[in-house]
N, C-alpha and C. Protein backbone atom coordinates (compact mmCIF):
# COMPACT_ATOMS: atom_id res chain seq x y z
N MET A 1 2.71 12.54 71.93
CA MET A 1 3.14 13.80 72.55
C MET A 1 2.01 14.81 72.57
N ASP A 2 1.83 15.49 73.69
CA ASP A 2 0.86 16.58 73.71
C ASP A 2 1.57 17.89 73.44
N ILE A 3 0.82 18.98 73.42
CA ILE A 3 1.37 20.27 73.03
C ILE A 3 2.50 20.71 73.96
N THR A 4 2.39 20.35 75.25
CA THR A 4 3.44 20.72 76.20
C THR A 4 4.76 20.03 75.89
N ASP A 5 4.66 18.78 75.46
CA ASP A 5 5.88 18.03 75.09
C ASP A 5 6.57 18.69 73.90
N TYR A 6 5.79 19.06 72.91
CA TYR A 6 6.36 19.74 71.72
C TYR A 6 7.00 21.07 72.12
N GLU A 7 6.29 21.80 72.99
CA GLU A 7 6.79 23.10 73.43
C GLU A 7 8.12 22.95 74.18
N ASN A 8 8.17 22.02 75.10
CA ASN A 8 9.38 21.81 75.91
C ASN A 8 10.55 21.34 75.06
N LYS A 9 10.26 20.47 74.10
CA LYS A 9 11.33 19.97 73.24
C LYS A 9 11.93 21.10 72.41
N LEU A 10 11.06 21.93 71.81
CA LEU A 10 11.56 23.05 71.01
C LEU A 10 12.36 24.01 71.88
N HIS A 11 11.85 24.33 73.06
CA HIS A 11 12.53 25.29 73.93
C HIS A 11 13.91 24.77 74.33
N THR A 12 14.00 23.48 74.57
CA THR A 12 15.29 22.87 74.91
C THR A 12 16.25 22.98 73.74
N LYS A 13 15.77 22.66 72.53
CA LYS A 13 16.63 22.73 71.35
C LYS A 13 17.08 24.16 71.06
N VAL A 14 16.19 25.11 71.26
CA VAL A 14 16.55 26.52 71.06
C VAL A 14 17.63 26.94 72.05
N ASN A 15 17.49 26.57 73.31
CA ASN A 15 18.47 26.95 74.32
C ASN A 15 19.83 26.29 74.07
N ILE A 16 19.82 25.05 73.58
CA ILE A 16 21.08 24.37 73.25
C ILE A 16 21.77 25.11 72.10
N PHE A 17 21.00 25.51 71.10
CA PHE A 17 21.58 26.24 69.98
C PHE A 17 22.10 27.61 70.43
N LYS A 18 21.34 28.31 71.26
CA LYS A 18 21.78 29.61 71.74
C LYS A 18 23.10 29.50 72.49
N SER A 19 23.23 28.46 73.29
CA SER A 19 24.47 28.25 74.04
C SER A 19 25.63 27.98 73.09
N TRP A 20 25.38 27.17 72.06
CA TRP A 20 26.41 26.87 71.06
C TRP A 20 26.81 28.15 70.32
N ALA A 21 25.83 28.93 69.89
CA ALA A 21 26.11 30.15 69.14
C ALA A 21 26.87 31.17 69.99
N LYS A 22 26.50 31.28 71.26
CA LYS A 22 27.18 32.23 72.16
C LYS A 22 28.63 31.83 72.37
N THR A 23 28.88 30.53 72.37
CA THR A 23 30.24 30.04 72.59
C THR A 23 31.13 30.25 71.38
N TYR A 24 30.61 29.93 70.20
CA TYR A 24 31.45 29.92 69.00
C TYR A 24 31.31 31.17 68.12
N TYR A 25 30.19 31.86 68.23
CA TYR A 25 29.98 33.06 67.41
C TYR A 25 29.37 34.18 68.26
N PRO A 26 30.06 34.61 69.30
CA PRO A 26 29.49 35.62 70.20
C PRO A 26 29.28 36.97 69.54
N GLU A 27 29.94 37.20 68.41
CA GLU A 27 29.81 38.50 67.74
C GLU A 27 28.56 38.59 66.87
N ILE A 28 27.90 37.48 66.64
CA ILE A 28 26.71 37.49 65.78
C ILE A 28 25.51 38.00 66.56
N THR A 29 24.83 38.98 65.98
CA THR A 29 23.62 39.54 66.59
C THR A 29 22.48 39.49 65.58
N GLU A 30 21.31 39.91 66.00
CA GLU A 30 20.17 39.97 65.08
C GLU A 30 20.48 40.88 63.90
N GLU A 31 21.27 41.91 64.14
CA GLU A 31 21.55 42.91 63.11
C GLU A 31 22.56 42.43 62.06
N ASN A 32 23.48 41.56 62.44
CA ASN A 32 24.50 41.16 61.47
C ASN A 32 24.46 39.66 61.13
N ASP A 33 23.37 39.00 61.47
CA ASP A 33 23.23 37.58 61.19
C ASP A 33 22.85 37.39 59.73
N ASN A 34 23.75 36.79 58.94
CA ASN A 34 23.45 36.52 57.54
C ASN A 34 23.06 35.07 57.29
N GLY A 35 22.95 34.29 58.35
CA GLY A 35 22.44 32.93 58.23
C GLY A 35 23.44 31.89 57.81
N GLU A 36 24.62 32.30 57.40
CA GLU A 36 25.57 31.34 56.84
C GLU A 36 26.43 30.67 57.91
N TRP A 37 26.30 31.07 59.15
CA TRP A 37 27.19 30.61 60.20
C TRP A 37 26.58 29.46 61.00
N CYS A 38 25.33 29.14 60.78
CA CYS A 38 24.61 28.31 61.76
C CYS A 38 24.31 26.89 61.29
N TYR A 39 25.03 26.38 60.31
CA TYR A 39 24.75 25.01 59.86
C TYR A 39 25.57 24.01 60.66
N CYS A 40 24.99 23.59 61.75
CA CYS A 40 25.63 22.67 62.67
C CYS A 40 24.56 21.71 63.17
N TYR A 41 24.96 20.72 63.92
CA TYR A 41 24.01 19.75 64.45
C TYR A 41 22.94 20.43 65.30
N GLU A 42 23.36 21.38 66.15
CA GLU A 42 22.42 22.07 67.03
C GLU A 42 21.38 22.85 66.23
N PHE A 43 21.82 23.45 65.15
CA PHE A 43 20.90 24.19 64.29
C PHE A 43 19.89 23.25 63.63
N LYS A 44 20.37 22.17 63.09
CA LYS A 44 19.49 21.21 62.41
C LYS A 44 18.46 20.62 63.37
N GLU A 45 18.88 20.33 64.60
CA GLU A 45 17.96 19.80 65.60
C GLU A 45 16.87 20.82 65.93
N MET A 46 17.25 22.07 66.02
CA MET A 46 16.30 23.14 66.30
C MET A 46 15.29 23.29 65.17
N ILE A 47 15.77 23.25 63.94
CA ILE A 47 14.90 23.35 62.77
C ILE A 47 13.92 22.19 62.74
N SER A 48 14.41 20.98 62.99
CA SER A 48 13.58 19.79 62.97
C SER A 48 12.46 19.88 63.99
N SER A 49 12.78 20.36 65.17
CA SER A 49 11.78 20.50 66.22
C SER A 49 10.72 21.53 65.86
N ALA A 50 11.14 22.63 65.25
CA ALA A 50 10.19 23.66 64.82
C ALA A 50 9.26 23.13 63.73
N LEU A 51 9.80 22.41 62.78
CA LEU A 51 8.99 21.83 61.71
C LEU A 51 7.97 20.84 62.27
N ASN A 52 8.38 20.09 63.27
CA ASN A 52 7.48 19.13 63.91
C ASN A 52 6.25 19.81 64.46
N ILE A 53 6.46 20.94 65.12
CA ILE A 53 5.34 21.69 65.70
C ILE A 53 4.41 22.21 64.61
N ILE A 54 4.98 22.79 63.58
CA ILE A 54 4.16 23.36 62.51
C ILE A 54 3.34 22.29 61.80
N GLU A 55 3.93 21.13 61.63
CA GLU A 55 3.26 20.05 60.90
C GLU A 55 2.24 19.29 61.76
N LYS A 56 2.46 19.23 63.08
CA LYS A 56 1.64 18.34 63.91
C LYS A 56 0.78 19.04 64.95
N CYS A 57 1.00 20.32 65.17
CA CYS A 57 0.25 21.03 66.21
C CYS A 57 -0.63 22.12 65.59
N SER A 58 -1.69 22.44 66.29
CA SER A 58 -2.58 23.51 65.85
C SER A 58 -2.05 24.87 66.30
N ALA A 59 -2.12 25.85 65.42
CA ALA A 59 -1.68 27.19 65.79
C ALA A 59 -2.52 27.75 66.92
N ALA A 60 -3.77 27.31 67.02
CA ALA A 60 -4.65 27.80 68.08
C ALA A 60 -4.17 27.40 69.47
N SER A 61 -3.34 26.38 69.54
CA SER A 61 -2.85 25.90 70.84
C SER A 61 -1.50 26.47 71.21
N ALA A 62 -0.95 27.33 70.38
CA ALA A 62 0.40 27.87 70.61
C ALA A 62 0.45 28.76 71.84
N THR A 63 1.48 28.59 72.62
CA THR A 63 1.72 29.44 73.80
C THR A 63 2.66 30.58 73.43
N GLU A 64 2.80 31.55 74.31
CA GLU A 64 3.71 32.67 74.07
C GLU A 64 5.15 32.18 73.92
N GLN A 65 5.53 31.21 74.76
CA GLN A 65 6.88 30.67 74.68
C GLN A 65 7.13 29.98 73.35
N MET A 66 6.16 29.20 72.92
CA MET A 66 6.29 28.49 71.64
C MET A 66 6.40 29.48 70.48
N ILE A 67 5.58 30.51 70.51
CA ILE A 67 5.60 31.52 69.44
C ILE A 67 6.95 32.22 69.40
N ASP A 68 7.47 32.61 70.56
CA ASP A 68 8.76 33.28 70.61
C ASP A 68 9.87 32.36 70.10
N ASP A 69 9.84 31.11 70.51
CA ASP A 69 10.87 30.16 70.05
C ASP A 69 10.78 29.95 68.54
N LEU A 70 9.58 29.82 68.02
CA LEU A 70 9.42 29.62 66.57
C LEU A 70 9.94 30.83 65.80
N LEU A 71 9.65 32.02 66.28
CA LEU A 71 10.12 33.22 65.60
C LEU A 71 11.64 33.34 65.68
N TYR A 72 12.21 32.90 66.80
CA TYR A 72 13.66 32.89 66.91
C TYR A 72 14.26 31.93 65.88
N VAL A 73 13.66 30.76 65.73
CA VAL A 73 14.16 29.77 64.76
C VAL A 73 14.05 30.32 63.34
N ILE A 74 12.92 30.92 63.03
CA ILE A 74 12.73 31.51 61.70
C ILE A 74 13.80 32.57 61.43
N ALA A 75 14.07 33.39 62.43
CA ALA A 75 15.08 34.44 62.28
C ALA A 75 16.46 33.87 62.00
N ARG A 76 16.79 32.77 62.67
CA ARG A 76 18.10 32.15 62.46
C ARG A 76 18.14 31.41 61.12
N ASP A 77 17.01 30.98 60.64
CA ASP A 77 16.92 30.22 59.39
C ASP A 77 16.74 31.16 58.21
N ASN A 78 17.58 32.20 58.15
CA ASN A 78 17.37 33.23 57.14
C ASN A 78 18.20 33.04 55.87
N GLU A 79 18.89 31.91 55.78
CA GLU A 79 19.64 31.61 54.56
C GLU A 79 18.82 30.70 53.65
N CYS A 80 18.43 29.52 54.14
CA CYS A 80 17.64 28.59 53.33
C CYS A 80 16.15 28.85 53.42
N GLU A 81 15.71 29.52 54.50
CA GLU A 81 14.29 29.86 54.71
C GLU A 81 13.40 28.62 54.69
N THR A 82 13.88 27.56 55.31
CA THR A 82 13.14 26.30 55.36
C THR A 82 11.81 26.44 56.09
N ILE A 83 11.82 27.12 57.22
CA ILE A 83 10.61 27.23 58.04
C ILE A 83 9.57 28.10 57.34
N ILE A 84 9.98 29.24 56.82
CA ILE A 84 9.01 30.12 56.17
C ILE A 84 8.41 29.45 54.95
N ASP A 85 9.16 28.64 54.25
CA ASP A 85 8.62 27.90 53.11
C ASP A 85 7.56 26.92 53.57
N GLU A 86 7.80 26.26 54.68
CA GLU A 86 6.82 25.32 55.22
C GLU A 86 5.56 26.05 55.66
N LEU A 87 5.71 27.24 56.20
CA LEU A 87 4.56 28.00 56.69
C LEU A 87 3.60 28.39 55.57
N THR A 88 4.09 28.48 54.34
CA THR A 88 3.19 28.84 53.23
C THR A 88 2.14 27.77 53.00
N ASP A 89 2.34 26.58 53.55
CA ASP A 89 1.35 25.50 53.44
C ASP A 89 0.52 25.36 54.71
N HIS A 90 0.73 26.25 55.66
CA HIS A 90 0.01 26.20 56.94
C HIS A 90 -0.48 27.60 57.26
N ASN A 91 -1.63 27.96 56.71
CA ASN A 91 -2.11 29.34 56.79
C ASN A 91 -2.28 29.85 58.22
N GLU A 92 -2.80 29.01 59.11
CA GLU A 92 -3.04 29.47 60.48
C GLU A 92 -1.72 29.81 61.18
N TRP A 93 -0.72 28.98 60.97
CA TRP A 93 0.58 29.26 61.57
C TRP A 93 1.22 30.51 60.93
N PHE A 94 1.12 30.61 59.62
CA PHE A 94 1.70 31.78 58.95
C PHE A 94 1.06 33.05 59.48
N SER A 95 -0.27 33.06 59.55
CA SER A 95 -0.98 34.24 60.01
C SER A 95 -0.59 34.62 61.43
N LEU A 96 -0.59 33.64 62.32
CA LEU A 96 -0.25 33.90 63.72
C LEU A 96 1.17 34.43 63.87
N LEU A 97 2.13 33.74 63.27
CA LEU A 97 3.53 34.13 63.44
C LEU A 97 3.85 35.44 62.72
N CYS A 98 3.20 35.67 61.61
CA CYS A 98 3.39 36.93 60.88
C CYS A 98 2.97 38.11 61.76
N ARG A 99 1.80 38.01 62.34
CA ARG A 99 1.32 39.08 63.22
C ARG A 99 2.25 39.28 64.42
N CYS A 100 2.63 38.16 65.02
CA CYS A 100 3.46 38.24 66.23
C CYS A 100 4.86 38.76 65.94
N SER A 101 5.37 38.50 64.75
CA SER A 101 6.73 38.93 64.43
C SER A 101 6.88 40.43 64.54
N LEU A 102 5.82 41.16 64.24
CA LEU A 102 5.87 42.62 64.27
C LEU A 102 6.05 43.17 65.68
N LYS A 103 5.77 42.35 66.68
CA LYS A 103 5.88 42.78 68.07
C LYS A 103 7.21 42.39 68.69
N THR A 104 8.09 41.80 67.89
CA THR A 104 9.37 41.31 68.41
C THR A 104 10.54 42.09 67.82
N HIS A 105 11.75 41.75 68.29
CA HIS A 105 12.96 42.35 67.74
C HIS A 105 13.59 41.44 66.70
N TYR A 106 12.89 40.40 66.26
CA TYR A 106 13.46 39.44 65.32
C TYR A 106 13.38 39.97 63.89
N THR A 107 14.30 40.85 63.58
CA THR A 107 14.33 41.49 62.26
C THR A 107 14.39 40.46 61.14
N ASN A 108 15.18 39.41 61.34
CA ASN A 108 15.36 38.42 60.29
C ASN A 108 14.15 37.52 60.09
N ALA A 109 13.22 37.57 61.02
CA ALA A 109 11.93 36.92 60.81
C ALA A 109 10.99 37.87 60.08
N LYS A 110 11.04 39.14 60.44
CA LYS A 110 10.14 40.13 59.84
C LYS A 110 10.31 40.20 58.33
N TRP A 111 11.57 40.26 57.86
CA TRP A 111 11.73 40.42 56.41
C TRP A 111 11.27 39.17 55.66
N GLN A 112 11.38 38.01 56.30
CA GLN A 112 10.90 36.79 55.64
C GLN A 112 9.38 36.80 55.49
N PHE A 113 8.68 37.31 56.51
CA PHE A 113 7.22 37.41 56.39
C PHE A 113 6.83 38.48 55.38
N ALA A 114 7.54 39.60 55.37
CA ALA A 114 7.26 40.64 54.37
C ALA A 114 7.45 40.09 52.96
N LYS A 115 8.51 39.34 52.78
CA LYS A 115 8.84 38.77 51.47
C LYS A 115 7.77 37.80 50.99
N ASN A 116 7.17 37.05 51.91
CA ASN A 116 6.23 35.99 51.54
C ASN A 116 4.77 36.37 51.71
N LEU A 117 4.51 37.58 52.16
CA LEU A 117 3.13 37.98 52.46
C LEU A 117 2.23 37.92 51.24
N SER A 118 2.74 38.26 50.09
CA SER A 118 1.91 38.27 48.88
C SER A 118 1.52 36.86 48.43
N ASN A 119 2.23 35.85 48.94
CA ASN A 119 1.91 34.47 48.58
C ASN A 119 0.88 33.85 49.52
N TYR A 120 0.53 34.56 50.57
CA TYR A 120 -0.41 34.03 51.55
C TYR A 120 -1.80 33.92 50.94
N ASN A 121 -2.45 32.77 51.10
CA ASN A 121 -3.77 32.57 50.49
C ASN A 121 -4.84 32.20 51.50
N GLY A 122 -4.63 32.59 52.76
CA GLY A 122 -5.65 32.37 53.78
C GLY A 122 -6.82 33.32 53.62
N ASN A 123 -7.82 33.17 54.47
CA ASN A 123 -9.04 33.96 54.31
C ASN A 123 -9.19 35.06 55.36
N ASP A 124 -8.09 35.41 56.07
CA ASP A 124 -8.17 36.55 56.98
C ASP A 124 -7.54 37.76 56.30
N ASN A 125 -7.29 38.80 57.06
CA ASN A 125 -6.88 40.08 56.46
C ASN A 125 -5.41 40.41 56.67
N ILE A 126 -4.56 39.41 56.77
CA ILE A 126 -3.17 39.74 57.10
C ILE A 126 -2.42 40.42 55.96
N HIS A 127 -2.97 40.41 54.74
CA HIS A 127 -2.32 41.17 53.67
C HIS A 127 -2.16 42.64 54.06
N GLU A 128 -3.09 43.12 54.90
CA GLU A 128 -3.02 44.52 55.33
C GLU A 128 -1.79 44.80 56.19
N LEU A 129 -1.16 43.75 56.70
CA LEU A 129 0.05 43.94 57.51
C LEU A 129 1.21 44.47 56.69
N VAL A 130 1.09 44.43 55.38
CA VAL A 130 2.16 44.95 54.54
C VAL A 130 2.47 46.40 54.90
N TYR A 131 1.45 47.14 55.31
CA TYR A 131 1.65 48.55 55.69
C TYR A 131 2.48 48.65 56.98
N ASP A 132 2.31 47.69 57.87
CA ASP A 132 3.13 47.67 59.09
C ASP A 132 4.57 47.33 58.77
N PHE A 133 4.77 46.40 57.86
CA PHE A 133 6.13 46.03 57.47
C PHE A 133 6.82 47.17 56.71
N LEU A 134 6.06 48.04 56.09
CA LEU A 134 6.63 49.19 55.40
C LEU A 134 7.20 50.22 56.37
N ALA A 135 6.93 50.05 57.66
CA ALA A 135 7.34 51.06 58.64
C ALA A 135 8.01 50.44 59.86
N VAL A 136 8.79 49.37 59.65
CA VAL A 136 9.40 48.67 60.79
C VAL A 136 10.77 49.22 61.16
N GLU A 137 11.24 50.23 60.47
CA GLU A 137 12.55 50.84 60.75
C GLU A 137 13.70 49.89 60.46
N ASP A 138 13.54 49.06 59.45
CA ASP A 138 14.63 48.21 58.97
C ASP A 138 14.64 48.31 57.45
N GLU A 139 15.76 48.71 56.89
CA GLU A 139 15.83 49.00 55.46
C GLU A 139 15.43 47.81 54.61
N TYR A 140 15.98 46.64 54.89
CA TYR A 140 15.72 45.48 54.04
C TYR A 140 14.27 45.03 54.14
N THR A 141 13.72 45.00 55.35
CA THR A 141 12.32 44.61 55.52
C THR A 141 11.40 45.56 54.78
N GLU A 142 11.65 46.85 54.91
CA GLU A 142 10.80 47.83 54.24
C GLU A 142 10.90 47.70 52.72
N ARG A 143 12.08 47.40 52.24
CA ARG A 143 12.26 47.23 50.80
C ARG A 143 11.46 46.04 50.28
N LEU A 144 11.51 44.93 50.99
CA LEU A 144 10.75 43.75 50.58
C LEU A 144 9.25 43.98 50.73
N ALA A 145 8.87 44.78 51.71
CA ALA A 145 7.46 45.11 51.89
C ALA A 145 6.94 45.95 50.73
N LEU A 146 7.78 46.84 50.21
CA LEU A 146 7.38 47.62 49.04
C LEU A 146 7.15 46.71 47.84
N GLU A 147 8.01 45.73 47.67
CA GLU A 147 7.83 44.76 46.59
C GLU A 147 6.54 43.99 46.77
N ALA A 148 6.25 43.58 48.02
CA ALA A 148 5.02 42.85 48.30
C ALA A 148 3.79 43.73 48.04
N LEU A 149 3.90 45.00 48.38
CA LEU A 149 2.79 45.93 48.16
C LEU A 149 2.41 45.98 46.68
N ALA A 150 3.40 45.94 45.82
CA ALA A 150 3.14 45.99 44.37
C ALA A 150 2.34 44.77 43.92
N ASP A 151 2.51 43.65 44.61
CA ASP A 151 1.74 42.44 44.29
C ASP A 151 0.36 42.46 44.92
N ILE A 152 0.28 42.93 46.17
CA ILE A 152 -0.97 42.85 46.92
C ILE A 152 -1.92 43.99 46.59
N TYR A 153 -1.39 45.22 46.64
CA TYR A 153 -2.20 46.41 46.36
C TYR A 153 -1.49 47.28 45.33
N PRO A 154 -1.42 46.84 44.08
CA PRO A 154 -0.67 47.59 43.07
C PRO A 154 -1.14 49.03 42.89
N GLU A 155 -2.41 49.27 43.18
CA GLU A 155 -2.95 50.62 43.02
C GLU A 155 -2.38 51.58 44.08
N LYS A 156 -1.82 51.04 45.16
CA LYS A 156 -1.23 51.87 46.22
C LYS A 156 0.29 52.00 46.08
N ALA A 157 0.88 51.16 45.24
CA ALA A 157 2.34 51.02 45.22
C ALA A 157 3.06 52.26 44.68
N GLU A 158 2.49 52.96 43.72
CA GLU A 158 3.18 54.10 43.12
C GLU A 158 3.47 55.18 44.16
N ALA A 159 2.49 55.51 44.97
CA ALA A 159 2.67 56.57 45.97
C ALA A 159 3.75 56.19 46.97
N TYR A 160 3.73 54.95 47.41
CA TYR A 160 4.73 54.50 48.38
C TYR A 160 6.12 54.46 47.73
N ALA A 161 6.17 54.02 46.49
CA ALA A 161 7.46 53.93 45.80
C ALA A 161 8.10 55.32 45.68
N ILE A 162 7.33 56.30 45.31
CA ILE A 162 7.86 57.66 45.16
C ILE A 162 8.30 58.21 46.52
N ASP A 163 7.54 57.88 47.56
CA ASP A 163 7.95 58.29 48.91
C ASP A 163 9.27 57.65 49.29
N PHE A 164 9.44 56.37 48.96
CA PHE A 164 10.70 55.68 49.25
C PHE A 164 11.87 56.37 48.55
N TRP A 165 11.63 56.80 47.32
CA TRP A 165 12.70 57.44 46.54
C TRP A 165 13.16 58.74 47.19
N ASN A 166 12.22 59.49 47.70
CA ASN A 166 12.51 60.86 48.14
C ASN A 166 12.80 61.00 49.63
N ARG A 167 12.58 59.99 50.41
CA ARG A 167 12.56 60.20 51.86
C ARG A 167 13.93 60.30 52.52
N ASN A 168 15.00 59.78 51.87
CA ASN A 168 16.35 59.85 52.45
C ASN A 168 16.38 59.35 53.89
N LYS A 169 15.72 58.25 54.12
CA LYS A 169 15.59 57.71 55.48
C LYS A 169 16.85 56.99 55.93
N TYR A 170 17.53 56.32 54.99
CA TYR A 170 18.71 55.54 55.32
C TYR A 170 19.94 56.13 54.64
N GLU A 171 21.07 56.01 55.31
CA GLU A 171 22.30 56.61 54.80
C GLU A 171 22.63 56.09 53.41
N ASN A 172 22.52 54.79 53.23
CA ASN A 172 22.71 54.19 51.91
C ASN A 172 21.35 53.74 51.39
N ASP A 173 20.80 54.50 50.47
CA ASP A 173 19.46 54.19 49.97
C ASP A 173 19.48 53.69 48.53
N GLU A 174 20.63 53.22 48.08
CA GLU A 174 20.72 52.77 46.69
C GLU A 174 19.75 51.63 46.41
N TYR A 175 19.70 50.66 47.29
CA TYR A 175 18.84 49.49 47.03
C TYR A 175 17.36 49.82 47.21
N GLN A 176 17.06 50.81 48.05
CA GLN A 176 15.69 51.30 48.13
C GLN A 176 15.26 51.85 46.77
N LYS A 177 16.13 52.65 46.18
CA LYS A 177 15.80 53.26 44.90
C LYS A 177 15.74 52.22 43.77
N ILE A 178 16.60 51.21 43.84
CA ILE A 178 16.53 50.12 42.86
C ILE A 178 15.17 49.44 42.94
N MET A 179 14.71 49.17 44.16
CA MET A 179 13.40 48.54 44.31
C MET A 179 12.30 49.45 43.78
N VAL A 180 12.43 50.74 43.98
CA VAL A 180 11.44 51.69 43.46
C VAL A 180 11.31 51.54 41.94
N LEU A 181 12.43 51.48 41.25
CA LEU A 181 12.39 51.32 39.79
C LEU A 181 11.67 50.05 39.38
N HIS A 182 11.99 48.95 40.06
CA HIS A 182 11.38 47.67 39.70
C HIS A 182 9.89 47.65 40.01
N VAL A 183 9.49 48.29 41.10
CA VAL A 183 8.07 48.37 41.44
C VAL A 183 7.32 49.23 40.41
N LEU A 184 7.88 50.37 40.07
CA LEU A 184 7.24 51.23 39.07
C LEU A 184 7.13 50.52 37.73
N HIS A 185 8.13 49.74 37.40
CA HIS A 185 8.08 48.96 36.16
C HIS A 185 7.02 47.88 36.26
N GLN A 186 6.95 47.20 37.40
CA GLN A 186 5.99 46.12 37.57
C GLN A 186 4.55 46.60 37.44
N ILE A 187 4.26 47.76 38.03
CA ILE A 187 2.88 48.26 38.00
C ILE A 187 2.61 49.12 36.77
N ARG A 188 3.60 49.23 35.88
CA ARG A 188 3.48 50.00 34.65
C ARG A 188 3.12 51.46 34.93
N SER A 189 3.83 52.03 35.87
CA SER A 189 3.59 53.42 36.24
C SER A 189 4.02 54.37 35.13
N GLN A 190 3.24 55.40 34.92
CA GLN A 190 3.58 56.41 33.92
C GLN A 190 4.75 57.28 34.40
N LYS A 191 5.10 57.18 35.66
CA LYS A 191 6.20 57.97 36.21
C LYS A 191 7.54 57.24 36.13
N LEU A 192 7.52 56.02 35.60
CA LEU A 192 8.75 55.23 35.55
C LEU A 192 9.85 55.94 34.74
N CYS A 193 9.51 56.45 33.59
CA CYS A 193 10.53 57.06 32.73
C CYS A 193 11.22 58.23 33.41
N TYR A 194 10.48 58.98 34.19
CA TYR A 194 11.06 60.12 34.92
C TYR A 194 12.13 59.63 35.88
N TYR A 195 11.82 58.57 36.62
CA TYR A 195 12.78 58.07 37.61
C TYR A 195 13.91 57.29 36.97
N LEU A 196 13.67 56.69 35.84
CA LEU A 196 14.76 56.05 35.10
C LEU A 196 15.79 57.09 34.66
N GLU A 197 15.29 58.23 34.23
CA GLU A 197 16.18 59.31 33.80
C GLU A 197 17.05 59.79 34.95
N ILE A 198 16.45 59.96 36.11
CA ILE A 198 17.22 60.38 37.28
C ILE A 198 18.24 59.30 37.65
N ALA A 199 17.81 58.04 37.63
CA ALA A 199 18.67 56.93 38.03
C ALA A 199 19.88 56.81 37.11
N GLU A 200 19.67 57.04 35.83
CA GLU A 200 20.76 56.90 34.86
C GLU A 200 21.86 57.94 35.04
N HIS A 201 21.55 59.00 35.78
CA HIS A 201 22.54 60.03 36.05
C HIS A 201 22.97 60.03 37.52
N SER A 202 22.64 58.96 38.22
CA SER A 202 22.97 58.87 39.64
C SER A 202 24.44 58.49 39.85
N GLU A 203 24.94 58.78 41.03
CA GLU A 203 26.29 58.36 41.40
C GLU A 203 26.31 56.89 41.82
N TYR A 204 25.14 56.30 41.99
CA TYR A 204 25.04 54.90 42.39
C TYR A 204 25.23 53.98 41.18
N LYS A 205 26.26 53.17 41.22
CA LYS A 205 26.59 52.27 40.11
C LYS A 205 25.48 51.27 39.82
N TYR A 206 25.01 50.59 40.85
CA TYR A 206 24.02 49.53 40.64
C TYR A 206 22.64 50.09 40.31
N LEU A 207 22.37 51.28 40.78
CA LEU A 207 21.13 51.94 40.40
C LEU A 207 21.14 52.24 38.91
N ARG A 208 22.26 52.74 38.41
CA ARG A 208 22.38 53.01 36.97
C ARG A 208 22.23 51.72 36.16
N MET A 209 22.87 50.67 36.63
CA MET A 209 22.80 49.39 35.92
C MET A 209 21.37 48.87 35.87
N ASN A 210 20.66 48.96 36.97
CA ASN A 210 19.28 48.49 37.00
C ASN A 210 18.37 49.33 36.11
N ALA A 211 18.63 50.62 36.06
CA ALA A 211 17.86 51.50 35.18
C ALA A 211 18.04 51.09 33.72
N GLN A 212 19.27 50.79 33.35
CA GLN A 212 19.56 50.36 31.99
C GLN A 212 18.90 49.03 31.67
N GLU A 213 18.91 48.12 32.65
CA GLU A 213 18.27 46.81 32.44
C GLU A 213 16.77 46.96 32.25
N ILE A 214 16.16 47.85 33.01
CA ILE A 214 14.72 48.08 32.86
C ILE A 214 14.42 48.72 31.51
N ARG A 215 15.28 49.62 31.06
CA ARG A 215 15.11 50.20 29.72
C ARG A 215 15.08 49.09 28.66
N GLU A 216 15.98 48.13 28.79
CA GLU A 216 16.03 47.01 27.83
C GLU A 216 14.77 46.16 27.92
N LYS A 217 14.28 45.95 29.14
CA LYS A 217 13.04 45.17 29.32
C LYS A 217 11.87 45.87 28.65
N ILE A 218 11.83 47.18 28.78
CA ILE A 218 10.73 47.95 28.17
C ILE A 218 10.77 47.81 26.65
N LYS A 219 11.99 47.87 26.09
CA LYS A 219 12.14 47.71 24.63
C LYS A 219 11.66 46.32 24.20
N THR A 220 12.03 45.30 24.97
CA THR A 220 11.61 43.94 24.66
C THR A 220 10.12 43.78 24.77
N ASP A 221 9.54 44.37 25.83
CA ASP A 221 8.10 44.31 26.00
C ASP A 221 7.37 44.95 24.83
N ASN A 222 7.85 46.11 24.42
CA ASN A 222 7.21 46.83 23.31
C ASN A 222 7.35 46.04 22.01
N PHE A 223 8.49 45.39 21.84
CA PHE A 223 8.72 44.59 20.63
C PHE A 223 7.78 43.38 20.59
N ASP A 224 7.62 42.73 21.76
CA ASP A 224 6.76 41.55 21.83
C ASP A 224 5.30 41.90 21.60
N ASN A 225 4.93 43.11 22.00
CA ASN A 225 3.53 43.52 21.84
C ASN A 225 3.26 44.04 20.43
């Protein structure tokens, strides 16, 4: 098979899946897709075709259609994350698709790349894309990007974490604030105790619980040292 054969096969499998999804789950959109609805023969065939391309084709030969189809498959594969896991062993494909995801509406692909960006070990500069993922206007993607920032550029994470805490960008920002606490704890920020104190008096139940858990971790860390 040449690259055109791989491209055509994937595009066919994607269109078959789209038709199946439109028929049986017309209410599912990019915004409310939790990945649990798509385990069917059509989905598995689409995944298999995408994996074939990643394993057997060069990223340098990818066409716009192939890239769009692969990003669509990644977005639909947001429960098991099979494709994104495979991409961690294929740096050229990861780099290409990561960059391209930012130009699409595939939110469920974007958060997977944000989540895995810190594990990328290629020799280009895509780690810098974490800053783009921090501003994609999607709460979950931005939250995972903040976590990735703490791994990639820990010296920059404190400022972004505090901005996340204070910005009131999303109506429900409880999980944003939870991530802030964990990031501040991870980078051993001197400002952690201040935000733990605020969190412990918050109206958010899970924020309070996470603050208490981090307090216990700090006690354990101090005891071990």
